[in-house]
Amino acid sequence: MDSVLNPDIAARLKRTTDGLVPAIVQQHDTREVLMMGWMDDEALHRTLTTGRATYWSRSRQEYWVKGDTSGHVQWVKEVRLDCDGDTILLTVDQVGAACHTGDHTCFDADLLGAPQASA
């Protein structure tokens, strides 16, 4: 597999000091936010060319394709870059749970509350 990200796309990315860009993942039909992962140029290239969401694991220092071990695959429908070039948005068809804990989304567990309205 050719592993070079399109230079026009690569030039638009604003990466962290360790070469990563956050990727927000959203269910394509409901727009529910599922998770956030990290991508470098190679992970983005793999995502764009395979149609499967691929991320860089900061803890394991390796690439991982969502669903390879869990079966909870993310079929990528669309990839967008925000106006600043520093965040990627993936819209996906999520099969099974998105969160490694088994929750539907990574945002199911901890509701911190809503802002109190000022009087």
N, C-alpha and C. Protein backbone atom coordinates (compact mmCIF):
# COMPACT_ATOMS: atom_id res chain seq x y z
N MET A 1 0.84 -1.18 0.00
CA MET A 1 0.00 0.00 0.00
C MET A 1 0.89 1.24 0.00
N ASP A 2 0.57 2.19 -0.88
CA ASP A 2 1.27 3.46 -0.90
C ASP A 2 0.93 4.20 0.38
N SER A 3 1.94 4.65 1.12
CA SER A 3 1.67 5.23 2.43
C SER A 3 2.00 6.71 2.51
N VAL A 4 1.79 7.43 1.41
CA VAL A 4 2.08 8.86 1.42
C VAL A 4 0.76 9.63 1.35
N LEU A 5 0.53 10.45 2.37
CA LEU A 5 -0.66 11.29 2.39
C LEU A 5 -0.57 12.31 1.26
N ASN A 6 -1.69 12.56 0.60
CA ASN A 6 -1.75 13.56 -0.46
C ASN A 6 -1.09 14.85 0.05
N PRO A 7 -0.08 15.38 -0.67
CA PRO A 7 0.65 16.56 -0.21
C PRO A 7 -0.25 17.79 -0.01
N ASP A 8 -1.31 17.91 -0.79
CA ASP A 8 -2.23 19.04 -0.62
C ASP A 8 -2.95 18.96 0.71
N ILE A 9 -3.32 17.74 1.12
CA ILE A 9 -3.97 17.55 2.43
C ILE A 9 -2.95 17.75 3.54
N ALA A 10 -1.77 17.14 3.39
CA ALA A 10 -0.72 17.24 4.41
C ALA A 10 -0.35 18.70 4.69
N ALA A 11 -0.32 19.52 3.66
CA ALA A 11 0.06 20.93 3.81
C ALA A 11 -0.97 21.71 4.62
N ARG A 12 -2.20 21.25 4.66
CA ARG A 12 -3.26 21.95 5.39
C ARG A 12 -3.32 21.60 6.87
N LEU A 13 -2.68 20.49 7.27
CA LEU A 13 -2.76 20.01 8.65
C LEU A 13 -1.90 20.84 9.59
N LYS A 14 -2.47 21.18 10.73
CA LYS A 14 -1.70 21.81 11.81
C LYS A 14 -1.62 20.77 12.91
N ARG A 15 -0.43 20.24 13.11
CA ARG A 15 -0.21 19.12 14.02
C ARG A 15 0.30 19.59 15.38
N THR A 16 0.13 18.73 16.39
CA THR A 16 0.75 18.97 17.69
C THR A 16 2.26 18.80 17.53
N THR A 17 3.00 19.09 18.58
CA THR A 17 4.46 18.96 18.49
C THR A 17 4.89 17.52 18.22
N ASP A 18 4.05 16.54 18.57
CA ASP A 18 4.39 15.15 18.28
C ASP A 18 3.77 14.66 16.98
N GLY A 19 3.31 15.59 16.13
CA GLY A 19 2.85 15.24 14.79
C GLY A 19 1.43 14.73 14.68
N LEU A 20 0.61 14.98 15.69
CA LEU A 20 -0.74 14.43 15.72
C LEU A 20 -1.82 15.51 15.53
N VAL A 21 -2.97 15.04 15.05
CA VAL A 21 -4.14 15.89 14.90
C VAL A 21 -5.31 15.17 15.57
N PRO A 22 -6.10 15.86 16.43
CA PRO A 22 -7.26 15.20 17.02
C PRO A 22 -8.32 14.92 15.95
N ALA A 23 -8.97 13.78 16.09
CA ALA A 23 -10.04 13.39 15.17
C ALA A 23 -11.31 13.14 15.98
N ILE A 24 -12.32 13.95 15.73
CA ILE A 24 -13.62 13.78 16.36
C ILE A 24 -14.42 12.83 15.48
N VAL A 25 -15.10 11.87 16.11
CA VAL A 25 -15.83 10.86 15.36
C VAL A 25 -17.32 10.98 15.67
N GLN A 26 -18.11 11.05 14.61
CA GLN A 26 -19.53 11.30 14.72
C GLN A 26 -20.29 10.25 13.91
N GLN A 27 -21.40 9.76 14.45
CA GLN A 27 -22.27 8.85 13.71
C GLN A 27 -22.87 9.61 12.53
N HIS A 28 -22.76 9.05 11.33
CA HIS A 28 -23.13 9.80 10.12
C HIS A 28 -24.60 10.18 10.04
N ASP A 29 -25.51 9.35 10.53
CA ASP A 29 -26.93 9.64 10.35
C ASP A 29 -27.55 10.41 11.52
N THR A 30 -27.09 10.17 12.74
CA THR A 30 -27.66 10.86 13.90
C THR A 30 -26.84 12.07 14.33
N ARG A 31 -25.60 12.14 13.88
CA ARG A 31 -24.64 13.20 14.25
C ARG A 31 -24.20 13.11 15.71
N GLU A 32 -24.49 12.00 16.36
CA GLU A 32 -24.04 11.80 17.75
C GLU A 32 -22.52 11.70 17.78
N VAL A 33 -21.90 12.42 18.72
CA VAL A 33 -20.44 12.35 18.88
C VAL A 33 -20.10 11.05 19.59
N LEU A 34 -19.24 10.26 18.96
CA LEU A 34 -18.91 8.93 19.48
C LEU A 34 -17.61 8.90 20.28
N MET A 35 -16.59 9.53 19.78
CA MET A 35 -15.27 9.43 20.42
C MET A 35 -14.33 10.46 19.83
N MET A 36 -13.13 10.51 20.39
CA MET A 36 -12.03 11.31 19.86
C MET A 36 -10.81 10.41 19.83
N GLY A 37 -10.09 10.46 18.74
CA GLY A 37 -8.83 9.72 18.62
C GLY A 37 -7.77 10.63 18.03
N TRP A 38 -6.57 10.11 17.91
CA TRP A 38 -5.46 10.87 17.36
C TRP A 38 -5.04 10.28 16.03
N MET A 39 -4.70 11.15 15.08
CA MET A 39 -4.20 10.72 13.77
C MET A 39 -2.92 11.46 13.44
N ASP A 40 -2.03 10.75 12.78
CA ASP A 40 -0.91 11.42 12.13
C ASP A 40 -1.15 11.29 10.63
N ASP A 41 -0.19 11.70 9.82
CA ASP A 41 -0.38 11.65 8.37
C ASP A 41 -0.68 10.23 7.89
N GLU A 42 0.03 9.26 8.42
CA GLU A 42 -0.16 7.87 7.99
C GLU A 42 -1.54 7.34 8.37
N ALA A 43 -2.00 7.63 9.59
CA ALA A 43 -3.33 7.18 10.01
C ALA A 43 -4.41 7.81 9.13
N LEU A 44 -4.25 9.08 8.81
CA LEU A 44 -5.22 9.75 7.95
C LEU A 44 -5.19 9.14 6.55
N HIS A 45 -3.99 8.90 6.04
CA HIS A 45 -3.86 8.26 4.73
C HIS A 45 -4.55 6.90 4.70
N ARG A 46 -4.29 6.09 5.72
CA ARG A 46 -4.92 4.76 5.78
C ARG A 46 -6.43 4.87 5.86
N THR A 47 -6.93 5.82 6.63
CA THR A 47 -8.37 6.03 6.75
C THR A 47 -8.98 6.40 5.40
N LEU A 48 -8.33 7.32 4.70
CA LEU A 48 -8.85 7.79 3.41
C LEU A 48 -8.78 6.71 2.33
N THR A 49 -7.81 5.83 2.42
CA THR A 49 -7.64 4.84 1.34
C THR A 49 -8.32 3.50 1.62
N THR A 50 -8.63 3.21 2.89
CA THR A 50 -9.26 1.91 3.20
C THR A 50 -10.74 2.03 3.55
N GLY A 51 -11.18 3.22 3.97
CA GLY A 51 -12.56 3.38 4.40
C GLY A 51 -12.82 2.89 5.81
N ARG A 52 -11.76 2.51 6.53
CA ARG A 52 -11.84 2.09 7.93
C ARG A 52 -11.06 3.11 8.76
N ALA A 53 -11.65 3.51 9.89
CA ALA A 53 -11.00 4.50 10.74
C ALA A 53 -9.74 3.92 11.37
N THR A 54 -8.63 4.60 11.15
CA THR A 54 -7.32 4.20 11.68
C THR A 54 -6.77 5.33 12.52
N TYR A 55 -6.25 5.00 13.68
CA TYR A 55 -5.76 5.99 14.63
C TYR A 55 -4.35 5.65 15.08
N TRP A 56 -3.70 6.63 15.72
CA TRP A 56 -2.41 6.43 16.36
C TRP A 56 -2.64 6.35 17.86
N SER A 57 -2.20 5.25 18.47
CA SER A 57 -2.32 5.08 19.91
C SER A 57 -1.11 5.72 20.58
N ARG A 58 -1.35 6.74 21.37
CA ARG A 58 -0.24 7.40 22.08
C ARG A 58 0.31 6.51 23.18
N SER A 59 -0.53 5.70 23.80
CA SER A 59 -0.05 4.84 24.89
C SER A 59 0.73 3.63 24.36
N ARG A 60 0.27 3.04 23.27
CA ARG A 60 0.94 1.85 22.72
C ARG A 60 1.97 2.19 21.64
N GLN A 61 1.94 3.44 21.18
CA GLN A 61 2.85 3.89 20.12
C GLN A 61 2.73 3.01 18.87
N GLU A 62 1.47 2.81 18.44
CA GLU A 62 1.22 2.02 17.24
C GLU A 62 -0.11 2.41 16.62
N TYR A 63 -0.27 2.05 15.35
CA TYR A 63 -1.54 2.29 14.67
C TYR A 63 -2.56 1.25 15.10
N TRP A 64 -3.83 1.65 15.12
CA TRP A 64 -4.90 0.70 15.38
C TRP A 64 -6.09 1.05 14.50
N VAL A 65 -6.67 0.01 13.96
CA VAL A 65 -7.85 0.15 13.12
C VAL A 65 -9.05 -0.18 14.00
N LYS A 66 -9.96 0.77 14.13
CA LYS A 66 -11.12 0.59 15.00
C LYS A 66 -11.89 -0.65 14.58
N GLY A 67 -12.04 -1.58 15.53
CA GLY A 67 -12.81 -2.79 15.29
C GLY A 67 -11.99 -4.03 14.99
N ASP A 68 -10.68 -3.89 14.76
CA ASP A 68 -9.88 -5.08 14.44
C ASP A 68 -9.88 -6.10 15.57
N THR A 69 -9.87 -5.65 16.81
CA THR A 69 -9.90 -6.61 17.92
C THR A 69 -11.28 -6.74 18.54
N SER A 70 -12.07 -5.66 18.55
CA SER A 70 -13.38 -5.68 19.20
C SER A 70 -14.52 -6.10 18.27
N GLY A 71 -14.32 -5.94 16.98
CA GLY A 71 -15.41 -6.15 16.04
C GLY A 71 -16.30 -4.93 15.89
N HIS A 72 -16.03 -3.86 16.62
CA HIS A 72 -16.83 -2.64 16.60
C HIS A 72 -16.24 -1.67 15.56
N VAL A 73 -16.49 -1.98 14.33
CA VAL A 73 -15.88 -1.30 13.19
C VAL A 73 -16.48 0.07 12.95
N GLN A 74 -15.65 0.99 12.49
CA GLN A 74 -16.12 2.28 12.02
C GLN A 74 -15.92 2.34 10.51
N TRP A 75 -17.02 2.31 9.77
CA TRP A 75 -16.98 2.46 8.31
C TRP A 75 -17.06 3.95 8.02
N VAL A 76 -16.03 4.50 7.44
CA VAL A 76 -15.94 5.94 7.24
C VAL A 76 -16.80 6.37 6.05
N LYS A 77 -17.65 7.34 6.31
CA LYS A 77 -18.53 7.91 5.28
C LYS A 77 -17.94 9.19 4.71
N GLU A 78 -17.31 9.99 5.58
CA GLU A 78 -16.80 11.30 5.15
C GLU A 78 -15.70 11.74 6.09
N VAL A 79 -14.71 12.45 5.56
CA VAL A 79 -13.63 13.02 6.35
C VAL A 79 -13.55 14.50 6.02
N ARG A 80 -13.57 15.32 7.07
CA ARG A 80 -13.50 16.78 6.89
C ARG A 80 -12.38 17.33 7.77
N LEU A 81 -11.86 18.48 7.35
CA LEU A 81 -10.86 19.21 8.12
C LEU A 81 -11.47 20.54 8.52
N ASP A 82 -11.29 20.94 9.77
CA ASP A 82 -11.88 22.21 10.20
C ASP A 82 -11.15 23.39 9.57
N CYS A 83 -11.72 24.58 9.75
CA CYS A 83 -11.22 25.79 9.08
C CYS A 83 -9.79 26.14 9.47
N ASP A 84 -9.35 25.74 10.67
CA ASP A 84 -7.98 26.03 11.11
C ASP A 84 -6.99 24.94 10.72
N GLY A 85 -7.49 23.81 10.26
CA GLY A 85 -6.62 22.71 9.87
C GLY A 85 -6.08 21.92 11.05
N ASP A 86 -6.67 22.13 12.25
CA ASP A 86 -6.12 21.47 13.42
C ASP A 86 -7.04 20.41 14.04
N THR A 87 -8.14 20.09 13.39
CA THR A 87 -9.04 19.04 13.87
C THR A 87 -9.69 18.36 12.67
N ILE A 88 -9.73 17.03 12.74
CA ILE A 88 -10.36 16.23 11.70
C ILE A 88 -11.72 15.78 12.22
N LEU A 89 -12.70 15.74 11.34
CA LEU A 89 -14.02 15.21 11.67
C LEU A 89 -14.29 14.01 10.78
N LEU A 90 -14.51 12.86 11.42
CA LEU A 90 -14.90 11.66 10.69
C LEU A 90 -16.38 11.42 10.93
N THR A 91 -17.14 11.22 9.87
CA THR A 91 -18.49 10.72 10.04
C THR A 91 -18.44 9.26 9.62
N VAL A 92 -19.01 8.41 10.47
CA VAL A 92 -18.85 6.97 10.31
C VAL A 92 -20.17 6.25 10.49
N ASP A 93 -20.20 5.02 10.03
CA ASP A 93 -21.26 4.09 10.38
C ASP A 93 -20.64 3.18 11.43
N GLN A 94 -21.00 3.41 12.68
CA GLN A 94 -20.44 2.67 13.81
C GLN A 94 -21.16 1.34 13.97
N VAL A 95 -20.40 0.25 14.01
CA VAL A 95 -20.94 -1.08 14.27
C VAL A 95 -20.61 -1.41 15.73
N GLY A 96 -21.62 -1.55 16.57
CA GLY A 96 -21.39 -1.85 17.98
C GLY A 96 -20.97 -0.61 18.75
N ALA A 97 -20.35 -0.83 19.89
CA ALA A 97 -19.93 0.25 20.78
C ALA A 97 -18.74 1.00 20.20
N ALA A 98 -18.72 2.31 20.39
CA ALA A 98 -17.58 3.12 19.96
C ALA A 98 -16.50 3.17 21.04
N CYS A 99 -16.90 3.11 22.29
CA CYS A 99 -15.96 3.26 23.40
C CYS A 99 -15.32 1.92 23.77
N HIS A 100 -14.06 1.98 24.16
CA HIS A 100 -13.35 0.77 24.57
C HIS A 100 -13.94 0.16 25.85
N THR A 101 -14.75 0.94 26.58
CA THR A 101 -15.39 0.42 27.80
C THR A 101 -16.64 -0.40 27.49
N GLY A 102 -17.08 -0.36 26.23
CA GLY A 102 -18.30 -1.06 25.84
C GLY A 102 -19.51 -0.14 25.78
N ASP A 103 -19.34 1.13 26.21
CA ASP A 103 -20.42 2.10 26.10
C ASP A 103 -20.62 2.48 24.64
N HIS A 104 -21.84 2.92 24.33
CA HIS A 104 -22.16 3.31 22.96
C HIS A 104 -21.23 4.42 22.47
N THR A 105 -21.04 5.45 23.29
CA THR A 105 -20.09 6.52 22.97
C THR A 105 -19.13 6.68 24.13
N CYS A 106 -18.05 7.36 23.90
CA CYS A 106 -17.10 7.64 24.98
C CYS A 106 -17.62 8.73 25.91
N PHE A 107 -18.78 9.30 25.58
CA PHE A 107 -19.35 10.38 26.37
C PHE A 107 -20.61 9.94 27.12
N ASP A 108 -20.85 8.63 27.25
CA ASP A 108 -22.02 8.12 27.95
C ASP A 108 -21.90 8.18 29.47
N ALA A 109 -20.72 8.03 30.00
CA ALA A 109 -20.56 7.74 31.42
C ALA A 109 -20.55 8.96 32.34
N ASP A 110 -19.91 10.04 31.97
CA ASP A 110 -19.66 11.12 32.91
C ASP A 110 -20.29 12.43 32.53
N LEU A 111 -21.55 12.63 32.94
CA LEU A 111 -22.23 13.90 32.74
C LEU A 111 -21.79 14.84 33.86
N LEU A 112 -21.11 15.89 33.49
CA LEU A 112 -20.61 16.84 34.49
C LEU A 112 -21.66 17.85 34.91
N GLY A 113 -22.73 17.95 34.14
CA GLY A 113 -23.78 18.90 34.45
C GLY A 113 -23.92 19.90 33.33
N ALA A 114 -24.84 20.80 33.52
CA ALA A 114 -25.08 21.87 32.55
C ALA A 114 -24.81 23.19 33.26
N PRO A 115 -24.42 24.20 32.51
CA PRO A 115 -24.18 25.51 33.14
C PRO A 115 -25.44 26.04 33.79
N GLN A 116 -25.27 26.68 34.92
CA GLN A 116 -26.38 27.32 35.63
C GLN A 116 -26.67 28.66 34.94
N ALA A 117 -27.91 28.92 34.66
CA ALA A 117 -28.28 30.19 34.03
C ALA A 117 -28.10 31.33 35.03
N SER A 118 -27.57 32.44 34.57
CA SER A 118 -27.40 33.62 35.43
C SER A 118 -28.74 34.31 35.63
N ALA A 119 -28.97 34.80 36.84
CA ALA A 119 -30.24 35.48 37.14
C ALA A 119 -30.13 36.95 36.85
